[in-house]
Amino acid sequence: MTEDNLSSNHPPLPPTTEEDRFSWLRLLRSRRVGVATFHRLMAEHGTAQKALDVLPEVARTAGVKGYEICPAGVIDAELKAAKAANARLLCLGSAEYPRALAEISDAPPLLWAIGDTSLLQKPMIAMVGARNASSLGTRMARALAQDLGAQEFVVVSGLARGVDAAAHLATIQSGTVAVMAGGVDVIYPAENTQLAIDICQQGLRLSEQPMGLTPQARHFPRRNRIISGLAQAVVVVEAAAKSGSLITARDALDQGREVLAVPGHPFDARASGCNMLIRDGAQLVRNAEDVIAALPVVARPRPVQPDLLSDLPAPKPEKRSLQDTAALHSQILSRLGPSPVAEDQLIRDLSVPAGQVGPALVDLELDGKINRQSGGLLSLTIQSA
């Protein structure tokens, strides 16, 4: 018995009792039962319990020896953990389940949700990009997300560092959905703990994975199909030629979603994926108006007035050790690219006092790692081949 691409054209009727929900969870958590197999078993047997009854025989027929379905105690523990985390179970076919996601061929049968599930009934735009985003990249992500939120779009992303975090932070108040690769109660990366808490209180966290599951590399590509499946369009802000963001873009195309990309400097590897998408037909994005214009006319709200500058409060100055200084140098270099960035904007993006950033910039300039141009602009030094 192996996972395949077969699924029913019609989603199964959602469970109506606690016993039914228990059976759905138990079937989905059983060994060798993924999304496609779940859908096929439900289509063939009608209910999760009937599918569970025949599953050992199906496994034996497929050559799997000693097969056992998921123990009831495992599901009891997951339900207990969900209750402790205030997580709700959304079942495919129910009124709360997001309609757009239900239409994809490999829709998750079950989703754990923490937060405001009413956001799932609103129009959504997905925003993805590089974890090591440049200053321009995070600035663009923040501006786009903020403006889309002002036009009553919910912004969906993956709670990663970089572009994801910038998009979520900009839309905490207007509405944001974080799709997680591990359990909905497992925050990853740890640096986004406070952001995840804020989303839990004012936005929504979603996951198809069991409660308490620590995410592994193989979980992220599966997570990406949910990000694109929830949204009307996917905007890629920064992405390398081989990155998870391009997987999300590919999922979006397979699902019939619009794919848009922010162009970048040809010398910046973080922009190569976006530039490739545009070359291959993705719509070019300059501002939120471009995103809205790419949507069907009925889905376009009122015009957007982009505000690309968004001041972030800087923390209070603090003493920095040599190790802290080296870390600050690394942060500055990761924020800069071939395209010039204003020094004051870089300081705001770093959330570090200007009195600490200034000397660090001088050090990097003397080392030949950055260039200072007229008008207070900074860029990385391009090393000749």
Protein backbone atom coordinates (compact mmCIF):
# COMPACT_ATOMS: atom_id res chain seq x y z
CA MET A 1 0.00 0.00 0.00
CA THR A 2 1.61 3.24 -1.13
CA GLU A 3 0.58 6.88 -1.37
CA ASP A 4 -0.72 7.84 -4.81
CA ASN A 5 -2.39 10.73 -6.56
CA LEU A 6 -5.89 9.29 -6.52
CA SER A 7 -8.61 11.22 -4.72
CA SER A 8 -12.31 11.57 -4.93
CA ASN A 9 -13.78 14.32 -7.07
CA HIS A 10 -16.12 15.08 -4.21
CA PRO A 11 -14.90 15.69 -0.65
CA PRO A 12 -16.24 13.27 1.96
CA LEU A 13 -19.05 14.41 4.19
CA PRO A 14 -17.53 16.04 7.27
CA PRO A 15 -17.70 14.18 10.58
CA THR A 16 -20.67 15.24 12.71
CA THR A 17 -19.83 13.58 16.04
CA GLU A 18 -16.81 13.34 18.31
CA GLU A 19 -16.59 9.66 17.44
CA ASP A 20 -16.47 10.48 13.73
CA ARG A 21 -13.74 13.08 14.24
CA PHE A 22 -11.78 10.57 16.29
CA SER A 23 -12.01 8.05 13.43
CA TRP A 24 -10.91 10.63 10.85
CA LEU A 25 -7.85 11.47 12.93
CA ARG A 26 -7.07 7.82 13.55
CA LEU A 27 -7.28 6.96 9.87
CA LEU A 28 -5.13 9.89 8.80
CA ARG A 29 -2.51 9.17 11.48
CA SER A 30 -2.25 5.48 10.58
CA ARG A 31 0.96 4.28 8.99
CA ARG A 32 1.17 4.58 5.19
CA VAL A 33 -2.03 6.64 5.05
CA GLY A 34 -1.38 10.05 3.54
CA VAL A 35 -3.77 12.56 2.05
CA ALA A 36 -4.33 10.75 -1.26
CA THR A 37 -4.82 7.36 0.40
CA PHE A 38 -7.20 8.91 2.94
CA HIS A 39 -9.35 10.33 0.13
CA ARG A 40 -9.32 7.05 -1.77
CA LEU A 41 -10.28 4.98 1.28
CA MET A 42 -13.09 7.37 2.15
CA ALA A 43 -14.37 7.26 -1.43
CA GLU A 44 -14.32 3.46 -1.44
CA HIS A 45 -15.74 2.81 2.05
CA GLY A 46 -17.84 5.86 2.87
CA THR A 47 -16.75 6.40 6.49
CA ALA A 48 -13.48 6.55 8.34
CA GLN A 49 -14.47 3.75 10.68
CA LYS A 50 -15.25 1.39 7.80
CA ALA A 51 -11.93 2.33 6.23
CA LEU A 52 -10.15 1.56 9.50
CA ASP A 53 -11.86 -1.83 9.67
CA VAL A 54 -10.49 -2.91 6.28
CA LEU A 55 -7.12 -1.14 6.48
CA PRO A 56 -5.12 -4.10 7.90
CA GLU A 57 -6.44 -6.36 5.13
CA VAL A 58 -5.65 -3.70 2.51
CA ALA A 59 -2.12 -3.52 3.89
CA ARG A 60 -1.70 -7.30 3.81
CA THR A 61 -2.89 -7.37 0.20
CA ALA A 62 -0.24 -4.77 -0.60
CA GLY A 63 2.44 -6.95 0.97
CA VAL A 64 2.80 -5.10 4.27
CA LYS A 65 3.23 -7.58 7.11
CA GLY A 66 2.22 -6.98 10.73
CA TYR A 67 0.28 -3.82 9.90
CA GLU A 68 -1.58 -2.11 12.75
CA ILE A 69 -3.73 1.00 12.60
CA CYS A 70 -2.88 4.02 14.74
CA PRO A 71 -3.47 3.19 18.44
CA ALA A 72 -6.44 4.94 20.03
CA GLY A 73 -4.16 6.23 22.78
CA VAL A 74 -2.16 8.26 20.27
CA ILE A 75 -5.31 10.06 19.16
CA ASP A 76 -6.40 10.60 22.77
CA ALA A 77 -3.04 12.24 23.46
CA GLU A 78 -3.31 14.46 20.38
CA LEU A 79 -6.81 15.61 21.33
CA LYS A 80 -5.61 16.34 24.86
CA ALA A 81 -2.69 18.38 23.52
CA ALA A 82 -5.03 20.28 21.19
CA LYS A 83 -7.32 21.16 24.09
CA ALA A 84 -4.35 22.44 26.11
CA ALA A 85 -3.28 24.63 23.17
CA ASN A 86 -6.84 25.86 22.47
CA ALA A 87 -6.61 24.35 18.99
CA ARG A 88 -9.71 23.56 16.95
CA LEU A 89 -10.08 20.80 14.38
CA LEU A 90 -11.29 21.91 10.94
CA CYS A 91 -12.59 19.06 8.80
CA LEU A 92 -12.78 19.04 5.02
CA GLY A 93 -16.37 19.71 3.97
CA SER A 94 -17.33 21.67 7.08
CA ALA A 95 -18.50 25.29 6.97
CA GLU A 96 -15.33 26.53 8.69
CA TYR A 97 -12.96 24.81 6.29
CA PRO A 98 -11.53 27.31 3.75
CA ARG A 99 -13.41 26.95 0.47
CA ALA A 100 -10.45 27.67 -1.82
CA LEU A 101 -8.29 25.05 -0.10
CA ALA A 102 -11.06 22.46 -0.34
CA GLU A 103 -10.92 22.74 -4.14
CA ILE A 104 -7.32 21.54 -4.57
CA SER A 105 -6.79 17.88 -5.46
CA ASP A 106 -4.77 17.05 -2.34
CA ALA A 107 -6.69 19.12 0.21
CA PRO A 108 -5.78 18.27 3.82
CA PRO A 109 -8.64 16.26 5.35
CA LEU A 110 -7.98 17.88 8.73
CA LEU A 111 -6.42 21.13 9.92
CA TRP A 112 -5.57 22.19 13.44
CA ALA A 113 -6.26 25.90 13.99
CA ILE A 114 -5.34 28.30 16.78
CA GLY A 115 -6.79 31.79 16.58
CA ASP A 116 -9.48 33.53 14.56
CA THR A 117 -10.91 31.02 12.07
CA SER A 118 -13.22 33.68 10.58
CA LEU A 119 -10.18 34.93 8.64
CA LEU A 120 -10.49 31.83 6.45
CA GLN A 121 -13.69 33.21 4.98
CA LYS A 122 -12.00 36.37 3.68
CA PRO A 123 -10.03 36.85 0.42
CA MET A 124 -6.40 35.85 0.91
CA ILE A 125 -3.08 36.64 -0.76
CA ALA A 126 -0.01 34.51 -0.08
CA MET A 127 3.38 36.12 0.28
CA VAL A 128 6.60 34.09 0.33
CA GLY A 129 10.30 34.73 -0.09
CA ALA A 130 13.84 34.34 1.14
CA ARG A 131 14.67 33.60 4.75
CA ASN A 132 17.90 35.62 4.40
CA ALA A 133 16.00 38.50 2.82
CA SER A 134 17.79 41.74 2.03
CA SER A 135 16.79 45.07 3.50
CA LEU A 136 14.98 45.95 0.27
CA GLY A 137 13.24 42.57 0.31
CA THR A 138 11.88 42.88 3.83
CA ARG A 139 10.92 46.49 3.18
CA MET A 140 8.99 45.48 0.06
CA ALA A 141 7.31 42.56 1.82
CA ARG A 142 6.25 44.78 4.69
CA ALA A 143 4.90 47.48 2.37
CA LEU A 144 3.00 45.06 0.13
CA ALA A 145 1.50 43.18 3.05
CA GLN A 146 0.49 46.34 4.87
CA ASP A 147 -1.21 47.78 1.79
CA LEU A 148 -2.99 44.53 0.96
CA GLY A 149 -4.18 44.31 4.54
CA ALA A 150 -5.51 47.86 4.30
CA GLN A 151 -7.59 46.68 1.34
CA GLU A 152 -9.10 43.90 3.50
CA PHE A 153 -7.03 41.03 2.15
CA VAL A 154 -5.74 38.47 4.63
CA VAL A 155 -2.04 37.78 4.08
CA VAL A 156 -0.92 34.13 4.23
CA SER A 157 2.67 33.03 4.78
CA GLY A 158 4.79 30.35 6.44
CA LEU A 159 6.12 31.98 9.66
CA ALA A 160 9.74 31.63 8.50
CA ARG A 161 12.32 34.32 9.11
CA GLY A 162 12.84 37.00 6.48
CA VAL A 163 10.03 37.74 4.05
CA ASP A 164 7.47 35.57 5.88
CA ALA A 165 8.05 37.30 9.21
CA ALA A 166 7.91 40.76 7.60
CA ALA A 167 4.58 39.96 5.94
CA HIS A 168 3.06 38.60 9.15
CA LEU A 169 4.31 41.52 11.26
CA ALA A 170 2.78 44.03 8.87
CA THR A 171 -0.66 42.38 9.00
CA ILE A 172 -1.11 41.38 12.65
CA GLN A 173 -3.86 43.98 12.98
CA SER A 174 -5.51 43.58 9.58
CA GLY A 175 -5.43 39.78 9.40
CA THR A 176 -2.73 37.19 8.83
CA VAL A 177 -2.60 33.38 8.59
CA ALA A 178 0.56 31.41 9.38
CA VAL A 179 0.71 27.91 7.90
CA MET A 180 3.12 25.80 9.92
CA ALA A 181 5.20 22.84 8.77
CA GLY A 182 5.14 21.13 12.17
CA GLY A 183 2.45 20.93 14.80
CA VAL A 184 0.36 24.05 15.20
CA ASP A 185 1.63 24.22 18.80
CA VAL A 186 5.32 23.95 17.85
CA ILE A 187 6.86 27.32 17.04
CA TYR A 188 9.66 27.25 14.47
CA PRO A 189 11.99 29.04 14.19
CA ALA A 190 12.30 29.92 17.89
CA GLU A 191 13.16 33.54 17.05
CA ASN A 192 9.58 34.00 15.85
CA THR A 193 8.08 32.92 19.17
CA GLN A 194 6.59 36.30 20.04
CA LEU A 195 5.32 36.74 16.50
CA ALA A 196 3.61 33.33 16.69
CA ILE A 197 2.02 34.28 20.02
CA ASP A 198 0.73 37.55 18.54
CA ILE A 199 -0.68 35.70 15.51
CA CYS A 200 -2.38 33.25 17.84
CA GLN A 201 -4.07 36.13 19.64
CA GLN A 202 -5.03 38.29 16.65
CA GLY A 203 -4.59 36.15 13.54
CA LEU A 204 -4.60 32.42 12.82
CA ARG A 205 -2.11 29.56 12.89
CA LEU A 206 -2.83 26.43 10.84
CA SER A 207 -1.24 23.01 10.41
CA GLU A 208 -2.22 19.62 9.02
CA GLN A 209 0.45 17.90 11.12
CA PRO A 210 -0.13 16.17 14.48
CA MET A 211 0.04 18.26 17.61
CA GLY A 212 3.54 18.46 19.06
CA LEU A 213 5.33 17.45 15.84
CA THR A 214 8.71 19.13 15.34
CA PRO A 215 9.03 20.08 11.65
CA GLN A 216 11.50 18.23 9.45
CA ALA A 217 12.78 19.25 6.01
CA ARG A 218 10.29 16.97 4.22
CA HIS A 219 7.34 18.72 5.86
CA PHE A 220 7.94 22.14 4.31
CA PRO A 221 7.14 21.32 0.65
CA ARG A 222 3.83 19.76 1.76
CA ARG A 223 3.12 22.85 3.86
CA ASN A 224 3.69 25.08 0.82
CA ARG A 225 0.72 23.63 -1.10
CA ILE A 226 -1.55 24.80 1.73
CA ILE A 227 -0.14 28.34 1.61
CA SER A 228 -0.88 28.62 -2.11
CA GLY A 229 -4.14 26.68 -1.86
CA LEU A 230 -5.60 29.14 0.62
CA ALA A 231 -4.89 32.17 -1.53
CA GLN A 232 -6.18 33.79 -4.70
CA ALA A 233 -2.62 34.67 -5.69
CA VAL A 234 0.96 34.05 -4.57
CA VAL A 235 3.48 36.89 -4.47
CA VAL A 236 7.17 35.95 -4.40
CA VAL A 237 9.24 38.81 -3.01
CA GLU A 238 12.77 37.37 -3.01
CA ALA A 239 13.78 33.82 -3.93
CA ALA A 240 16.93 32.05 -5.05
CA ALA A 241 16.89 29.90 -8.17
CA LYS A 242 16.38 26.76 -6.05
CA SER A 243 14.20 27.58 -3.06
CA GLY A 244 11.04 26.62 -1.23
CA SER A 245 9.40 29.79 -2.51
CA LEU A 246 9.61 28.47 -6.07
CA ILE A 247 8.01 25.23 -4.90
CA THR A 248 5.11 27.31 -3.59
CA ALA A 249 4.93 29.14 -6.92
CA ARG A 250 4.83 25.82 -8.77
CA ASP A 251 2.06 24.59 -6.46
CA ALA A 252 0.16 27.79 -7.14
CA LEU A 253 0.35 27.29 -10.89
CA ASP A 254 -0.82 23.68 -10.53
CA GLN A 255 -3.75 24.92 -8.45
CA GLY A 256 -4.73 27.60 -10.96
CA ARG A 257 -3.62 30.51 -8.78
CA GLU A 258 -2.04 33.72 -10.01
CA VAL A 259 1.73 33.92 -9.53
CA LEU A 260 3.41 37.28 -9.20
CA ALA A 261 7.01 38.23 -8.45
CA VAL A 262 8.99 41.28 -7.37
CA PRO A 263 11.95 41.87 -9.70
CA GLY A 264 15.47 42.20 -8.30
CA HIS A 265 18.99 43.13 -9.25
CA PRO A 266 20.56 40.59 -11.65
CA PHE A 267 23.67 40.38 -9.44
CA ASP A 268 21.68 39.46 -6.33
CA ALA A 269 21.25 35.67 -6.03
CA ARG A 270 18.28 36.26 -3.75
CA ALA A 271 16.41 37.75 -6.71
CA SER A 272 17.32 35.15 -9.33
CA GLY A 273 14.22 33.03 -8.68
CA CYS A 274 11.89 36.01 -8.98
CA ASN A 275 13.55 37.15 -12.17
CA MET A 276 13.20 33.63 -13.59
CA LEU A 277 9.49 33.59 -12.72
CA ILE A 278 8.97 36.92 -14.50
CA ARG A 279 10.93 35.66 -17.51
CA ASP A 280 8.65 32.63 -17.62
CA GLY A 281 5.44 34.65 -17.49
CA ALA A 282 4.76 35.60 -13.87
CA GLN A 283 3.32 39.06 -13.41
CA LEU A 284 5.76 41.72 -12.28
CA VAL A 285 4.92 43.40 -8.97
CA ARG A 286 5.81 46.97 -8.05
CA ASN A 287 3.14 47.60 -5.45
CA ALA A 288 -0.14 46.29 -4.07
CA GLU A 289 -2.07 47.77 -6.99
CA ASP A 290 -0.26 45.37 -9.33
CA VAL A 291 -1.33 42.43 -7.16
CA ILE A 292 -4.96 43.51 -7.06
CA ALA A 293 -5.02 44.21 -10.80
CA ALA A 294 -3.99 40.59 -11.46
CA LEU A 295 -7.08 39.27 -9.65
CA PRO A 296 -10.50 38.78 -11.22
CA VAL A 297 -12.44 42.05 -11.42
CA VAL A 298 -15.00 40.88 -8.83
CA ALA A 299 -12.21 40.33 -6.31
CA ARG A 300 -10.65 43.78 -6.64
CA PRO A 301 -11.29 46.14 -3.70
CA ARG A 302 -10.84 49.89 -3.88
CA PRO A 303 -7.53 51.26 -5.19
CA VAL A 304 -4.50 51.01 -2.95
CA GLN A 305 -2.28 53.92 -1.95
CA PRO A 306 1.09 52.25 -1.24
CA ASP A 307 3.23 53.53 1.57
CA LEU A 308 6.69 52.06 1.06
CA LEU A 309 8.18 53.72 4.14
CA SER A 310 7.19 52.28 7.47
CA ASP A 311 9.24 53.37 10.45
CA LEU A 312 10.08 50.73 13.02
CA PRO A 313 10.87 51.80 16.58
CA ALA A 314 14.50 51.16 17.49
CA PRO A 315 15.32 49.49 20.79
CA LYS A 316 17.23 51.31 23.49
CA PRO A 317 21.03 51.44 23.02
CA GLU A 318 23.01 48.74 24.75
CA LYS A 319 26.68 47.85 25.13
CA ARG A 320 27.97 45.40 22.55
CA SER A 321 30.79 42.90 22.90
CA LEU A 322 33.18 41.94 20.10
CA GLN A 323 30.94 38.95 19.43
CA ASP A 324 27.89 41.23 19.21
CA THR A 325 29.76 43.53 16.83
CA ALA A 326 30.67 40.63 14.57
CA ALA A 327 27.03 39.54 14.61
CA LEU A 328 25.97 43.08 13.68
CA HIS A 329 28.43 43.04 10.76
CA SER A 330 26.87 39.79 9.57
CA GLN A 331 23.34 41.23 9.87
CA ILE A 332 24.30 44.30 7.85
CA LEU A 333 25.89 42.25 5.08
CA SER A 334 22.86 39.94 4.89
CA ARG A 335 20.54 42.94 4.53
CA LEU A 336 22.52 44.56 1.72
CA GLY A 337 22.72 43.54 -1.91
CA PRO A 338 23.93 44.99 -5.22
CA SER A 339 21.01 47.46 -5.26
CA PRO A 340 21.70 50.57 -3.13
CA VAL A 341 19.77 50.99 0.13
CA ALA A 342 19.41 54.19 2.13
CA GLU A 343 21.44 54.10 5.35
CA ASP A 344 18.53 55.34 7.46
CA GLN A 345 16.29 52.62 6.01
CA LEU A 346 18.91 49.97 6.82
CA ILE A 347 19.06 51.21 10.42
CA ARG A 348 15.27 50.97 10.72
CA ASP A 349 15.28 47.45 9.26
CA LEU A 350 17.96 46.32 11.70
CA SER A 351 16.17 47.89 14.70
CA VAL A 352 19.61 48.82 16.07
CA PRO A 353 20.55 52.32 17.30
CA ALA A 354 22.26 54.50 14.70
CA GLY A 355 25.15 55.04 17.12
CA GLN A 356 25.99 51.34 16.86
CA VAL A 357 25.31 50.90 13.15
CA GLY A 358 27.46 53.87 12.09
CA PRO A 359 30.80 52.53 13.36
CA ALA A 360 29.98 49.07 11.99
CA LEU A 361 29.39 50.57 8.54
CA VAL A 362 32.72 52.37 8.68
CA ASP A 363 34.47 49.08 9.55
CA LEU A 364 32.81 47.25 6.66
CA GLU A 365 33.58 50.10 4.25
CA LEU A 366 37.24 50.08 5.24
CA ASP A 367 37.30 46.30 4.77
CA GLY A 368 35.99 46.80 1.23
CA LYS A 369 32.84 44.79 1.89
CA ILE A 370 30.36 47.63 1.24
CA ASN A 371 30.22 50.70 -0.96
CA ARG A 372 28.98 54.09 0.20
CA GLN A 373 27.41 56.18 -2.56
CA SER A 374 26.12 59.72 -2.78
CA GLY A 375 22.83 60.44 -1.08
CA GLY A 376 23.55 58.16 1.88
CA LEU A 377 23.13 54.96 -0.16
CA LEU A 378 24.86 51.67 0.68
CA SER A 379 25.40 48.48 -1.32
CA LEU A 380 27.48 45.31 -1.22
CA THR A 381 30.81 45.35 -3.01
CA ILE A 382 30.57 43.18 -6.13
CA GLN A 383 33.53 40.87 -6.30
CA SER A 384 34.89 40.54 -9.81
CA ALA A 385 35.35 37.01 -11.16
